Protein backbone atom coordinates (compact mmCIF):
# COMPACT_ATOMS: atom_id res chain seq x y z
CA MET A 1 223.64 201.06 30.42
CA ALA A 2 223.26 197.39 30.58
CA LYS A 3 221.58 194.97 28.31
CA ALA A 4 219.50 191.84 28.93
CA THR A 5 218.11 189.66 26.23
CA THR A 6 215.27 186.78 27.02
CA THR A 7 213.13 184.75 24.56
CA ILE A 8 209.42 185.11 24.12
CA LYS A 9 208.03 181.44 23.52
CA GLN A 10 204.14 181.48 21.48
CA VAL A 11 202.83 178.40 20.19
CA LEU A 12 201.28 178.79 16.13
CA ASN A 13 197.65 177.43 15.38
CA TYR A 14 197.47 176.56 12.01
CA GLY A 15 195.98 174.04 9.58
CA PRO A 16 196.90 170.61 8.57
CA GLU A 17 198.80 171.39 5.75
CA HIS A 18 200.39 174.71 6.70
CA ALA A 19 202.63 172.10 8.87
CA ALA A 20 203.99 171.15 5.45
CA TRP A 21 204.83 175.00 4.75
CA PHE A 22 207.13 175.24 7.25
CA ALA A 23 209.22 172.30 7.22
CA ALA A 24 209.49 173.10 3.48
CA ASN A 25 210.65 176.22 4.50
CA GLN A 26 213.15 175.34 7.04
CA THR A 27 214.53 172.39 4.85
CA LEU A 28 215.36 175.33 2.11
CA PHE A 29 216.63 177.53 4.59
CA ASN A 30 218.91 174.21 5.75
CA GLN A 31 220.02 174.22 2.26
CA VAL A 32 220.69 177.49 1.52
CA CYS A 33 222.69 177.48 4.74
CA ALA A 34 224.30 174.48 3.77
CA PHE A 35 225.41 176.10 0.36
CA TYR A 36 227.08 179.39 2.20
CA PHE A 37 228.86 177.02 4.37
CA ASP A 38 230.34 175.84 0.83
CA VAL A 39 231.24 178.77 0.31
CA ILE A 40 232.79 179.79 3.06
CA GLN A 41 235.21 176.75 2.57
CA ALA A 42 235.88 177.53 -0.53
CA HIS A 43 237.19 181.22 0.35
CA VAL A 44 238.12 181.07 3.68
CA LYS A 45 239.34 184.51 3.87
CA ILE A 46 236.06 185.78 4.16
CA LEU A 47 235.61 184.81 7.83
CA ASP A 48 238.44 188.08 7.94
CA LEU A 49 236.08 190.04 7.45
CA SER A 50 233.63 191.49 9.88
CA ASN A 51 229.57 190.10 9.50
CA LYS A 52 228.64 192.95 7.81
CA GLU A 53 231.59 192.73 5.22
CA ALA A 54 231.67 189.85 5.36
CA LEU A 55 227.88 189.58 3.70
CA THR A 56 228.49 191.98 1.24
CA ALA A 57 231.31 189.70 0.16
CA LEU A 58 229.13 186.70 -0.33
CA GLU A 59 226.22 187.91 -1.44
CA LYS A 60 229.04 189.45 -4.82
CA LEU A 61 229.83 185.95 -4.84
CA THR A 62 226.60 184.18 -5.23
CA HIS A 63 224.17 186.68 -6.02
CA ILE A 64 223.25 187.47 -9.41
CA THR A 65 222.33 191.38 -10.36
CA GLN A 66 222.60 193.53 -12.73
CA ARG A 67 226.21 194.81 -12.02
CA ASN A 68 227.08 190.88 -11.31
CA PRO A 69 225.53 189.32 -14.17
CA ALA A 70 227.79 185.83 -13.10
CA PRO A 71 229.11 185.68 -10.04
CA VAL A 72 231.31 183.02 -9.37
CA MET A 73 229.16 180.37 -7.21
CA PRO A 74 225.28 181.37 -7.86
CA LEU A 75 222.93 180.94 -5.58
CA ASP A 76 220.57 179.91 -7.97
CA GLU A 77 221.76 175.98 -8.29
CA VAL A 78 220.17 175.66 -5.20
CA ALA A 79 217.04 177.46 -5.93
CA GLU A 80 215.77 181.11 -7.61
CA ASP A 81 214.08 183.95 -6.16
CA ILE A 82 215.32 183.23 -3.10
CA PRO A 83 213.94 186.84 -0.88
CA ALA A 84 217.01 188.91 -0.21
CA MET A 85 216.05 188.91 4.05
CA PHE A 86 215.62 185.12 3.61
CA ARG A 87 219.03 184.67 2.06
CA ARG A 88 221.12 186.89 4.48
CA ALA A 89 219.58 185.14 7.64
CA ALA A 90 220.81 181.63 5.51
CA ILE A 91 224.36 184.15 5.27
CA HIS A 92 224.20 184.79 8.58
CA ALA A 93 223.64 181.02 10.50
CA ALA A 94 226.24 179.90 7.99
CA LEU A 95 228.69 182.35 9.36
CA GLY A 96 228.27 181.36 12.51
CA SER A 97 228.48 177.63 12.09
CA ALA A 98 231.70 178.29 10.00
CA ARG A 99 233.32 180.88 12.76
CA SER A 100 232.86 177.97 15.16
CA PHE A 101 234.23 174.97 13.05
CA PHE A 102 237.26 176.98 11.62
CA SER A 103 237.83 177.90 15.16
CA HIS A 104 237.90 174.12 16.71
CA LEU A 105 239.76 173.82 13.87
CA ALA A 106 242.64 175.99 14.71
CA ARG A 107 242.58 174.84 18.23
CA TRP A 108 243.10 171.54 17.29
CA GLN A 109 245.96 172.80 14.86
CA LYS A 110 247.73 173.77 17.77
CA ALA A 111 247.14 171.18 20.29
CA LYS A 112 248.80 168.54 17.77
CA GLU A 113 251.65 170.99 16.85
CA LYS A 114 252.33 171.40 20.69
CA ALA A 115 252.19 167.29 21.04
CA GLU A 116 254.53 166.51 17.90
CA ALA A 117 257.33 169.39 19.14
CA LYS A 118 256.84 167.43 22.71
CA GLY A 119 257.74 163.89 20.69
CA LYS A 120 254.14 162.91 21.63
CA LYS A 121 251.64 161.28 19.73
CA PHE A 122 249.00 163.06 19.01
CA HIS A 123 245.26 160.62 18.71
CA GLU A 124 242.83 163.30 19.35
CA ARG A 125 240.04 163.51 16.07
CA PRO A 126 240.26 166.53 14.09
CA PRO A 127 237.27 168.30 14.45
CA VAL A 128 234.49 167.83 10.92
CA PRO A 129 232.25 170.52 8.55
CA PRO A 130 228.39 170.10 9.84
CA ARG A 131 227.18 166.71 7.82
CA THR A 132 223.46 167.67 8.24
CA TRP A 133 222.08 171.23 8.67
CA ASN A 134 219.19 171.61 11.14
CA LYS A 135 218.62 175.35 11.90
CA SER A 136 215.85 176.97 12.72
CA ALA A 137 214.74 180.34 10.07
CA SER A 138 214.97 183.09 11.20
CA LEU A 139 212.85 185.94 10.08
CA TYR A 140 214.12 189.11 8.96
CA ALA A 141 211.92 192.32 8.49
CA GLY A 142 210.17 191.75 5.00
CA MET A 143 209.41 187.91 6.02
CA TRP A 144 206.91 189.29 8.71
CA LYS A 145 204.06 191.73 8.88
CA GLU A 146 200.96 192.64 10.78
CA ARG A 147 201.83 191.59 14.31
CA SER A 148 199.53 191.84 17.10
CA ASP A 149 199.36 189.83 20.62
CA SER A 150 196.89 187.35 18.96
CA SER A 151 197.89 186.90 15.44
CA ILE A 152 201.27 187.22 12.73
CA VAL A 153 201.40 186.99 9.06
CA LEU A 154 204.49 185.31 7.83
CA LYS A 155 206.02 184.99 4.24
CA VAL A 156 207.34 181.03 3.69
CA TRP A 157 208.21 179.21 1.12
CA THR A 158 205.75 176.13 0.51
CA GLY A 159 207.51 174.18 -1.43
CA THR A 160 206.50 175.43 -5.31
CA CYS A 161 205.67 178.81 -4.37
CA TRP A 162 206.25 181.86 -2.04
CA SER A 163 203.38 183.03 -0.01
CA TRP A 164 202.05 185.28 2.54
CA MET A 165 200.07 183.14 5.65
CA LYS A 166 198.24 184.92 8.48
CA VAL A 167 198.93 182.39 11.76
CA ARG A 168 197.00 182.61 15.03
CA ILE A 169 199.86 183.08 18.34
CA THR A 170 199.17 182.18 22.18
CA GLY A 171 201.01 182.69 24.77
CA ARG A 172 202.67 185.08 26.97
CA GLU A 173 202.40 188.72 25.35
CA LEU A 174 205.15 190.92 24.17
CA PRO A 175 206.34 193.48 26.15
CA ILE A 176 206.17 197.04 25.37
CA ASP A 177 209.12 198.48 26.75
CA ALA A 178 211.45 195.88 24.87
CA GLU A 179 213.39 195.86 21.90
CA LEU A 180 211.97 192.97 19.40
CA GLY A 181 214.79 191.03 17.33
CA SER A 182 213.81 188.84 14.48
CA PRO A 183 211.77 185.83 15.51
CA GLN A 184 212.56 182.10 14.70
CA LEU A 185 210.09 179.59 13.69
CA ILE A 186 211.18 176.73 15.81
CA ARG A 187 209.84 172.75 15.43
CA LYS A 188 209.21 170.73 18.54
CA GLY A 189 207.94 167.06 18.10
CA ASN A 190 205.24 168.19 15.48
CA GLN A 191 204.12 171.25 17.00
CA TRP A 192 205.75 174.54 15.30
CA TYR A 193 206.53 177.83 17.69
CA LEU A 194 207.23 181.33 17.44
CA HIS A 195 210.54 182.73 19.50
CA THR A 196 210.73 186.44 19.97
CA PRO A 197 214.72 187.42 21.27
CA ILE A 198 213.40 190.82 23.10
CA GLU A 199 215.97 193.13 24.47
CA ARG A 200 215.97 195.22 27.42
CA GLN A 201 218.20 198.27 28.35
CA PHE A 202 218.91 199.14 32.33
CA LYS A 203 221.56 201.14 34.41
CA SER A 204 224.54 198.83 35.42
CA SER A 205 225.25 198.96 39.17
CA GLY A 206 229.13 198.12 37.90
CA LYS A 207 231.18 195.47 38.34
CA ILE A 208 230.48 193.33 41.89
CA GLU A 209 234.00 194.32 42.73
CA LYS A 210 233.79 197.61 42.28
CA GLN A 211 230.25 198.18 44.50
CA VAL A 212 232.04 195.63 47.22
CA THR A 213 235.59 197.93 47.73
CA THR A 214 233.65 201.01 47.07
CA ASN A 215 230.48 201.61 49.13
CA LYS A 216 230.06 199.89 51.97
CA GLN A 217 226.09 199.86 52.05
CA THR A 218 226.01 197.93 48.57
CA LYS A 219 223.95 195.25 49.94
CA ILE A 220 224.56 191.37 48.95
CA CYS A 221 221.72 188.67 49.22
CA SER A 222 223.67 185.61 50.19
CA VAL A 223 221.89 182.21 49.94
CA ASP A 224 222.36 178.92 50.76
CA LEU A 225 220.93 175.91 49.04
CA ASN A 226 219.64 172.49 50.32
CA ILE A 227 217.69 169.52 49.80
CA ASN A 228 215.45 169.01 52.73
CA GLU A 229 212.69 170.73 53.79
CA ASN A 230 214.57 174.45 53.52
CA ILE A 231 215.33 174.53 49.84
CA ALA A 232 217.35 177.78 50.03
CA VAL A 233 218.45 180.26 52.72
CA CYS A 234 218.39 183.97 52.30
CA THR A 235 220.19 186.30 53.68
CA ILE A 236 220.85 190.33 52.72
CA ARG A 237 223.73 192.14 54.68
CA THR A 238 225.89 195.04 53.28
CA VAL A 239 229.58 194.93 52.61
CA GLU A 240 230.13 196.52 56.29
CA GLY A 241 228.56 193.57 58.21
CA SER A 242 224.83 194.74 59.28
CA ILE A 243 222.46 192.09 58.38
CA LEU A 244 219.13 193.95 57.08
CA ALA A 245 216.95 190.51 56.79
CA THR A 246 216.81 186.67 56.08
CA THR A 247 214.36 184.46 54.72
CA PHE A 248 213.23 180.96 54.70
CA ILE A 249 212.24 179.05 51.01
CA HIS A 250 210.12 175.50 52.56
CA GLY A 251 208.95 172.77 50.24
CA GLY A 252 211.77 170.83 50.03
CA GLN A 253 209.81 167.83 52.58
CA ARG A 254 206.84 168.01 49.46
CA VAL A 255 208.65 167.77 46.76
CA ASN A 256 211.17 165.57 47.94
CA GLY A 257 208.91 163.08 49.14
CA PHE A 258 206.55 163.19 45.86
CA ARG A 259 209.96 162.49 43.77
CA LYS A 260 210.91 159.23 45.84
CA LYS A 261 207.17 157.44 45.49
CA LEU A 262 207.20 157.87 41.52
CA LEU A 263 210.98 156.61 41.89
CA GLY A 264 209.71 153.93 43.85
CA ARG A 265 206.38 153.08 41.43
CA ILE A 266 209.59 153.07 38.26
CA ALA A 267 211.72 150.91 40.55
CA ARG A 268 208.36 148.51 41.27
CA ASN A 269 207.30 148.77 37.40
CA ARG A 270 210.87 147.55 35.98
CA HIS A 271 210.96 144.65 38.78
CA LYS A 272 207.70 143.40 37.00
CA THR A 273 209.35 143.20 33.70
CA GLY A 274 213.38 142.87 34.43
CA ILE A 275 213.83 144.00 30.93
CA ILE A 276 214.30 148.11 29.76
CA ALA A 277 214.37 147.51 25.90
CA GLU A 278 217.39 149.47 24.64
CA ASN A 279 216.63 153.06 22.66
CA GLU A 280 213.92 153.06 24.08
CA GLN A 281 212.08 154.84 27.25
CA ASP A 282 210.74 152.95 30.24
CA ASN A 283 207.95 154.29 32.04
CA VAL A 284 207.59 157.75 30.14
CA HIS A 285 204.98 159.31 32.31
CA LEU A 286 206.65 159.06 35.23
CA TRP A 287 209.43 160.46 34.13
CA ASN A 288 207.91 163.81 32.57
CA THR A 289 206.03 164.02 35.12
CA ILE A 290 209.48 164.19 37.81
CA ARG A 291 211.11 166.37 35.27
CA HIS A 292 208.24 168.47 35.55
CA VAL A 293 207.91 168.72 39.00
CA ASP A 294 211.56 169.75 39.27
CA GLU A 295 211.24 172.29 36.35
CA GLN A 296 208.33 174.07 38.00
CA VAL A 297 209.92 174.09 41.63
CA ALA A 298 213.57 175.33 40.56
CA HIS A 299 211.54 177.94 38.31
CA LEU A 300 209.74 179.14 42.25
CA VAL A 301 212.26 178.85 43.68
CA SER A 302 214.83 180.89 41.86
CA ASN A 303 211.40 183.27 41.18
CA ARG A 304 211.43 183.90 45.47
CA ILE A 305 215.12 184.41 45.66
CA VAL A 306 215.63 187.04 42.94
CA GLN A 307 211.99 188.71 44.58
CA PHE A 308 213.41 189.10 47.72
CA ALA A 309 216.32 190.41 46.62
CA LYS A 310 215.10 193.44 44.71
CA GLN A 311 212.58 193.78 47.47
CA HIS A 312 215.52 194.59 49.98
CA GLU A 313 217.54 196.15 46.40
CA ALA A 314 220.48 194.11 46.70
CA THR A 315 222.33 194.21 43.83
CA VAL A 316 224.52 191.22 44.36
CA LEU A 317 223.58 188.00 44.43
CA VAL A 318 225.97 185.27 45.89
CA PHE A 319 225.92 181.26 45.92
CA GLU A 320 227.92 178.33 46.31
CA HIS A 321 230.00 176.71 43.93
CA LEU A 322 228.64 172.81 44.16
CA GLY A 323 229.55 171.26 41.40
CA ASN A 324 231.42 167.87 43.00
CA LEU A 325 228.17 166.79 45.03
CA LYS A 326 227.11 162.98 44.11
CA PRO A 327 224.43 160.54 45.64
CA THR A 328 225.31 158.06 48.35
CA LYS A 329 225.03 154.34 48.27
CA GLY A 330 220.96 152.86 48.89
CA LYS A 331 218.22 151.83 47.62
CA TYR A 332 217.69 153.50 43.66
CA SER A 333 214.31 155.52 44.55
CA LYS A 334 217.07 157.22 47.57
CA ARG A 335 220.02 157.54 45.50
CA GLY A 336 217.75 158.77 42.09
CA ASN A 337 215.77 160.69 44.75
CA GLU A 338 219.06 162.65 46.15
CA LYS A 339 220.98 162.61 42.68
CA ARG A 340 217.48 164.75 41.11
CA ALA A 341 217.77 167.25 43.97
CA PHE A 342 221.32 167.83 43.37
CA TRP A 343 220.19 168.55 39.76
CA MET A 344 217.22 171.00 40.50
CA LYS A 345 219.52 173.12 42.86
CA GLY A 346 221.89 173.33 39.71
CA ARG A 347 218.53 175.05 37.87
CA ILE A 348 217.62 177.20 40.88
CA PHE A 349 221.65 178.54 40.58
CA ARG A 350 220.98 178.82 36.24
CA TYR A 351 217.32 180.35 36.44
CA ALA A 352 218.24 183.20 39.37
CA LYS A 353 221.29 183.71 37.27
CA TYR A 354 219.61 184.93 34.74
CA LYS A 355 216.46 186.08 36.03
CA ALA A 356 218.62 188.35 38.52
CA TYR A 357 220.51 189.84 35.62
CA HIS A 358 217.46 190.98 34.41
CA ALA A 359 216.47 192.83 37.23
CA GLY A 360 219.89 194.85 37.30
CA ILE A 361 221.66 192.29 40.13
CA LEU A 362 224.47 190.47 39.42
CA THR A 363 225.44 187.04 40.43
CA SER A 364 228.66 185.31 41.85
CA ARG A 365 229.51 182.35 43.86
CA VAL A 366 232.18 181.62 46.20
CA ASN A 367 234.13 178.34 47.40
CA PRO A 368 231.65 176.22 49.57
CA ARG A 369 234.47 174.58 51.62
CA ASN A 370 233.66 174.35 55.20
CA THR A 371 230.64 177.24 54.86
CA SER A 372 228.64 175.18 57.43
CA ARG A 373 231.26 174.02 59.81
CA GLU A 374 232.10 177.98 60.46
CA CYS A 375 230.83 180.07 62.49
CA ALA A 376 229.90 183.40 60.84
CA ARG A 377 231.20 185.67 63.92
CA CYS A 378 234.32 184.33 64.66
CA HIS A 379 234.93 181.81 61.94
CA SER A 380 235.71 178.70 64.67
CA LEU A 381 234.35 175.41 64.09
CA VAL A 382 230.27 175.45 65.84
CA ALA A 383 228.89 172.43 67.42
CA ARG A 384 225.43 171.64 65.26
CA TYR A 385 222.94 169.23 66.73
CA THR A 386 218.88 168.96 66.89
CA GLU A 387 216.71 170.60 69.58
CA GLY A 388 216.41 168.75 72.80
CA GLN A 389 220.01 167.06 72.57
CA PRO A 390 222.79 169.04 74.19
CA ALA A 391 225.01 171.57 72.16
CA GLU A 392 227.64 169.52 71.15
CA GLY A 393 229.62 167.41 68.20
CA TYR A 394 228.21 167.54 64.86
CA THR A 395 225.42 165.83 63.15
CA TYR A 396 224.46 165.85 59.65
CA GLY A 397 221.54 167.44 58.70
CA ALA A 398 220.92 168.88 62.22
CA PRO A 399 219.28 172.18 62.19
CA LEU A 400 221.13 173.93 64.65
CA VAL A 401 223.89 175.26 65.87
CA ALA A 402 226.11 176.70 68.16
CA CYS A 403 229.31 178.15 68.58
CA HIS A 404 231.35 177.91 72.19
CA GLN A 405 233.76 180.01 71.49
CA CYS A 406 231.60 183.12 70.91
CA GLY A 407 228.45 181.86 72.09
CA MET A 408 226.10 182.08 69.17
CA ARG A 409 223.42 180.13 68.72
CA GLY A 410 220.94 179.84 66.07
CA ASN A 411 220.14 178.34 62.88
CA ALA A 412 222.12 176.27 60.93
CA ASP A 413 221.54 176.75 57.15
CA ARG A 414 220.75 180.79 58.08
CA ASN A 415 224.40 180.52 59.90
CA ALA A 416 225.90 179.53 56.45
CA SER A 417 224.38 182.08 54.20
CA LEU A 418 225.75 184.55 56.87
CA VAL A 419 229.30 182.79 56.07
CA ILE A 420 228.53 182.10 51.88
CA GLY A 421 228.23 186.58 52.09
CA GLN A 422 231.07 187.09 53.98
CA ARG A 423 233.90 184.91 51.68
CA LEU A 424 232.15 187.57 48.81
CA THR A 425 233.70 190.45 50.62
CA GLN A 426 236.69 188.71 51.62
CA ARG A 427 237.15 187.51 48.16
CA TYR A 428 237.50 191.43 46.37
CA GLN A 429 238.75 193.36 49.88
CA LYS A 430 241.63 191.08 50.15
CA GLN A 431 241.10 190.84 53.33
CA GLU A 432 242.79 188.16 55.12
CA LYS A 433 240.66 185.16 56.15
CA PRO A 434 240.93 183.93 60.08
CA PRO A 435 242.97 180.50 60.13
CA THR A 436 240.16 177.85 59.29
CA PRO A 437 240.43 175.48 62.92
CA LEU A 438 240.05 172.77 60.30
CA LEU A 439 243.88 173.39 59.57
CA ALA A 440 244.57 174.66 62.35
CA LYS A 441 244.41 171.84 64.27
CA ARG A 442 243.32 168.42 63.97
CA GLU A 443 240.17 167.05 66.15
CA PRO A 444 240.05 163.71 67.99
CA LYS A 445 238.29 161.15 66.16
CA GLY A 446 235.51 160.80 69.06
CA SER A 447 234.59 164.70 68.74
CA GLY A 448 231.91 164.37 66.38
CA VAL A 449 233.07 166.94 64.06
CA GLY A 450 234.55 165.44 60.74
CA ILE A 451 237.65 166.63 58.89
CA PRO A 452 237.59 167.09 54.98
CA GLN A 453 240.12 165.02 53.07
CA ASP A 454 240.78 167.76 50.35
CA ALA A 455 241.16 170.89 53.61
CA LYS A 456 244.38 171.37 51.73
CA ASN A 457 243.23 171.86 48.14
CA ARG A 458 243.13 175.78 47.32
CA ASN A 459 242.81 174.92 43.11
CA ARG A 460 239.11 173.76 43.07
CA PRO A 461 235.84 173.59 45.41
CA SER A 462 236.25 170.54 48.06
CA LEU A 463 233.64 168.21 47.65
CA ARG A 464 230.45 167.54 49.12
CA SER A 465 231.67 166.33 52.33
CA ALA A 466 233.80 169.03 53.03
CA ARG A 467 230.23 171.17 52.83
CA HIS A 468 227.22 170.06 54.52
CA GLY A 469 225.87 167.47 55.95
CA ASP A 470 222.78 164.97 57.18
CA SER A 471 221.76 161.52 56.63
CA ASN A 472 222.23 162.23 53.05
CA GLU A 473 225.52 163.93 53.62
CA HIS A 474 224.53 167.71 52.70
CA GLY A 475 223.36 170.19 55.47
CA THR A 476 219.57 171.39 55.83
CA ALA A 477 217.93 172.70 58.68
CA GLN A 478 214.20 171.27 59.70
CA ALA A 479 213.29 173.56 61.30
CA THR A 480 212.93 177.50 61.89
CA GLY A 481 212.47 180.06 64.08
CA MET A 482 215.63 180.51 66.18
CA ARG A 483 217.22 182.77 68.25
CA MET A 484 219.06 184.10 65.35
CA VAL A 485 216.29 185.39 63.01
CA GLU A 486 212.72 187.05 63.68
CA PRO A 487 209.68 184.80 62.16
CA VAL A 488 209.99 185.39 57.84
CA SER A 489 207.21 185.12 55.08
CA ASP A 490 207.28 181.38 53.52
CA ILE A 491 207.11 181.37 49.67
CA ALA A 492 204.68 183.05 47.74
CA HIS A 493 203.26 180.26 45.87
CA GLN A 494 202.68 176.54 46.48
CA LEU A 495 204.25 173.76 44.59
CA ARG A 496 201.58 172.04 43.34
CA LEU A 497 202.17 168.58 42.55
CA PRO A 498 200.21 166.07 40.95
CA LEU A 499 199.67 163.19 43.21
CA GLU A 500 198.71 160.84 40.62
């Protein structure tokens, strides 16, 4: 069995005076955390114990009881009558910070000794303990009660005493089939939220290597992400190579056009003043709109990808490892638009990863080198062209692809998604990959096929020039309905973009 954890975020509805209570409660929590961090610094060997043993040891050092009337460092110096569950939540928070700090300190000391042993100067500064504390208060059992779908009763420090208060909650409902963790009081701006971690258990299909090497019928969903009309192209295939389904997720042109429009408006506003105030965000509303639209699209697309994989019972989701994409030179709105399109692709991968894991699907990434330049059938060079033009050369961003070696013709992005899935199976099955034509033979300059500068680099993913291409140096397909794929459904939701 495997476990998946996520967080349910709910809004707290409370009176004006209650906000001060929440703030006082968090201040006290951080004071107790700082106190226990100092105790751990004075007794470093506590970190050699497990969390449960460390909790017992720290309570003996600080908590006054009948059997322990005179602890070494009494907690009463900070505050009296602190509830046991509040104290223990602070202890665990301090333990986490202490383990992190001393781990970084040990790593720094090891690096310093290694440099000094080689006679080199070591200029890296050592890590320092937290100077300020801003942790959110965790509410263990006993600090809350009577929770329902619309309200909860919390025990908080009001600044003068401990008091029970009932607050209404709105937002996403808690699932019935999940195990609830301890909620946290989170402040964002002037609003307080209740974050509740939930844990689900599901049957795991095993590691990707085991799935690929032991079962030829394992279904893999390979995804090719783009920045123009087809935001994502997903293909379901089995390990043995049978292609089962393909879907195109559209809407990229509309998103790019909307984002470019707002970036152009920002540029014009900046041109009017000629001054950007230091430490002050300009065009706040426009920037927020751009960010919110990118977030919405990333969630919609990632959800559609996972739904498609679940629909066809795929157990592995595979993407390209696109970490070196950089925008091309040009006007501010075009360059900024392309940069944010790359960022949105990263968000799509991150969101799809955790959504897929909750559905019992594992995620992997492969080297993106030449995925748009290889033929999925014979791995030779392909010609990329636009409809109505001859099938020769390589035109960046063209929607069609043709292989003169084996006669394959179809959609360029679907071909790339097939290559992505093949690379995953080749990695784990240790198959010898056919020689890449770009390495085997250098094409003449007039052939129209670009040769990547990092073709010989086998240690890391190559740059964007060795990957897709269009006018923005990134491959996209602007038309569908090719001979390689049957007509498929579009994204399940319309992208709702505010126009003003």
